[in-house]
Amino acid sequence: MSRYDEIMKGLQEALEYTQGVSNGTQIHRIEIQEVSDFQPEEIKMIRMNCRMSQSLFAACVGVTKKAVEAWEGGRSHPDGAARRILGLMQTNPHFAEDNGILKTQGGIYEVEGAKPMHAAQAVAQYKKGLPDGAVF
C-alpha cells in the first residue's frame, strides 16, 4: 500500500468514526494533567522539601541560580516546562534522584551536566537557604 493510500485509509476511518460507524478502530482517551502555577513561597517550599540549595535545585531543573532566586523573590515566573518539573518535584521530593538527574556516589552529589559537588559543600549551600531559626 502506498503512503497516499495509507493516509486516505486513515482519513476514511476518521470520517466513519465521526459519523458513528464502528469499524473496529481502537480509541484511546488520554488525560493530561494541567500545568500548575506556583507562588514564590511554594517554589521555595518545593526546593526546601527536596533539601537542595538554590544552585543544586537550579541545576536539577535546568535553569540558572539567578532564575531560581527570581522565582523565589517573585521577580519572574517559571515557564511551562519548568513548572511541569516543579510539579513533579512537589509530588515527589526525590524526583531528581529517582530519574537519574541527581546522583550520589561516595559523598559527592552529581547533577547531569554540572560540576560534581562534595556532600559537605551541598550541605553548606543548603544551610544558607534555610529560614532563620531552622535546624538542619
Protein backbone atom coordinates (compact mmCIF):
# COMPACT_ATOMS: atom_id res chain seq x y z
CA MET A 1 0.00 0.00 0.00
CA SER A 2 1.42 3.41 -0.94
CA ARG A 3 1.83 6.24 1.56
CA TYR A 4 -1.03 8.05 -0.15
CA ASP A 5 -3.31 5.01 0.24
CA GLU A 6 -2.40 4.73 3.95
CA ILE A 7 -3.27 8.39 4.53
CA MET A 8 -6.53 8.10 2.62
CA LYS A 9 -7.47 4.96 4.57
CA GLY A 10 -6.79 6.76 7.86
CA LEU A 11 -8.85 9.74 6.78
CA GLN A 12 -11.70 7.47 5.75
CA GLU A 13 -11.60 5.70 9.13
CA ALA A 14 -11.64 9.05 10.92
CA LEU A 15 -14.61 10.21 8.84
CA GLU A 16 -16.51 6.98 9.54
CA TYR A 17 -15.80 7.35 13.27
CA THR A 18 -17.23 10.90 13.32
CA GLN A 19 -20.33 9.56 11.59
CA GLY A 20 -20.78 6.90 14.28
CA VAL A 21 -19.70 3.95 12.13
CA SER A 22 -17.78 1.39 14.19
CA ASN A 23 -15.07 -0.10 12.05
CA GLY A 24 -13.12 -1.86 14.79
CA THR A 25 -10.78 1.07 15.31
CA GLN A 26 -9.49 1.26 18.88
CA ILE A 27 -9.98 4.59 20.59
CA HIS A 28 -7.54 5.62 23.31
CA ARG A 29 -8.52 8.52 25.51
CA ILE A 30 -5.80 10.22 27.48
CA GLU A 31 -5.92 12.95 30.06
CA ILE A 32 -3.01 15.28 30.59
CA GLN A 33 -2.73 16.96 33.95
CA GLU A 34 -2.82 20.74 33.72
CA VAL A 35 0.48 22.55 34.33
CA SER A 36 0.31 24.26 37.72
CA ASP A 37 1.22 27.83 38.55
CA PHE A 38 3.40 28.35 41.59
CA GLN A 39 3.71 31.25 44.00
CA PRO A 40 7.22 32.28 45.13
CA GLU A 41 6.70 30.72 48.58
CA GLU A 42 5.59 27.44 47.01
CA ILE A 43 8.71 27.28 44.84
CA LYS A 44 10.93 27.81 47.86
CA MET A 45 8.99 25.17 49.82
CA ILE A 46 9.42 22.66 46.98
CA ARG A 47 13.16 23.34 46.96
CA MET A 48 13.39 23.06 50.74
CA ASN A 49 11.39 19.79 50.74
CA CYS A 50 13.86 18.47 48.14
CA ARG A 51 16.63 19.52 50.58
CA MET A 52 18.53 21.43 47.89
CA SER A 53 20.41 24.68 47.71
CA GLN A 54 19.34 27.15 45.05
CA SER A 55 22.38 26.15 42.97
CA LEU A 56 21.66 22.44 43.15
CA PHE A 57 17.93 22.97 42.56
CA ALA A 58 18.67 25.18 39.54
CA ALA A 59 20.97 22.55 38.06
CA CYS A 60 18.33 19.85 38.52
CA VAL A 61 15.58 21.95 36.93
CA GLY A 62 17.89 23.09 34.12
CA VAL A 63 17.94 26.81 34.85
CA THR A 64 20.37 29.27 36.41
CA LYS A 65 20.64 30.01 40.11
CA LYS A 66 19.58 33.58 39.25
CA ALA A 67 16.34 32.21 37.76
CA VAL A 68 15.55 30.32 40.98
CA GLU A 69 16.36 33.44 43.03
CA ALA A 70 14.00 35.48 40.82
CA TRP A 71 11.22 32.88 41.11
CA GLU A 72 11.52 32.74 44.89
CA GLY A 73 11.69 36.53 45.07
CA GLY A 74 8.60 36.96 42.89
CA ARG A 75 10.52 38.91 40.23
CA SER A 76 9.82 36.35 37.49
CA HIS A 77 7.86 33.16 36.95
CA PRO A 78 8.95 29.74 35.66
CA ASP A 79 7.95 28.78 32.12
CA GLY A 80 5.72 25.81 31.30
CA ALA A 81 8.45 23.17 31.19
CA ALA A 82 9.97 24.35 34.47
CA ARG A 83 6.50 24.44 36.06
CA ARG A 84 5.92 20.84 34.96
CA ILE A 85 9.20 19.79 36.64
CA LEU A 86 8.33 21.80 39.76
CA GLY A 87 5.01 19.94 39.93
CA LEU A 88 6.80 16.60 39.69
CA MET A 89 9.27 17.65 42.40
CA GLN A 90 6.39 18.85 44.59
CA THR A 91 4.69 15.46 44.29
CA ASN A 92 7.94 13.57 44.77
CA PRO A 93 10.82 15.38 46.54
CA HIS A 94 13.12 12.59 45.31
CA PHE A 95 12.16 13.12 41.66
CA ALA A 96 15.69 14.22 40.69
CA GLU A 97 17.31 11.14 42.27
CA ASP A 98 14.60 8.74 41.10
CA ASN A 99 15.02 9.86 37.48
CA GLY A 100 18.81 9.95 37.29
CA ILE A 101 19.12 13.75 37.28
CA LEU A 102 20.87 13.82 40.66
CA LYS A 103 23.29 11.06 41.57
CA THR A 104 25.18 10.50 44.79
CA GLN A 105 28.34 8.46 44.79
CA GLY A 106 30.82 8.33 47.64
CA GLY A 107 29.59 11.52 49.32
CA ILE A 108 29.58 13.54 46.10
CA TYR A 109 26.42 14.94 44.54
CA GLU A 110 26.48 14.87 40.77
CA VAL A 111 24.00 16.65 38.55
CA GLU A 112 23.96 15.65 34.90
CA GLY A 113 25.96 18.30 33.01
CA ALA A 114 27.10 20.15 36.15
CA LYS A 115 30.28 20.17 38.21
CA PRO A 116 30.30 17.48 40.96
CA MET A 117 29.83 18.83 44.49
CA HIS A 118 31.09 17.28 47.74
CA ALA A 119 28.37 16.47 50.24
CA ALA A 120 29.79 18.98 52.75
CA GLN A 121 29.59 21.68 50.08
CA ALA A 122 25.99 20.76 49.26
CA VAL A 123 25.04 20.79 52.96
CA ALA A 124 26.67 24.22 53.43
CA GLN A 125 24.79 25.58 50.42
CA TYR A 126 21.57 24.03 51.69
CA LYS A 127 22.01 25.58 55.16
CA LYS A 128 22.41 29.01 53.57
CA GLY A 129 18.93 28.60 52.09
CA LEU A 130 17.25 27.69 55.40
CA PRO A 131 14.98 30.28 57.02
CA ASP A 132 16.21 31.90 60.26
CA GLY A 133 15.86 29.57 63.23
CA ALA A 134 15.51 26.44 61.10
CA VAL A 135 17.54 23.39 62.08
CA PHE A 136 19.27 21.03 59.69
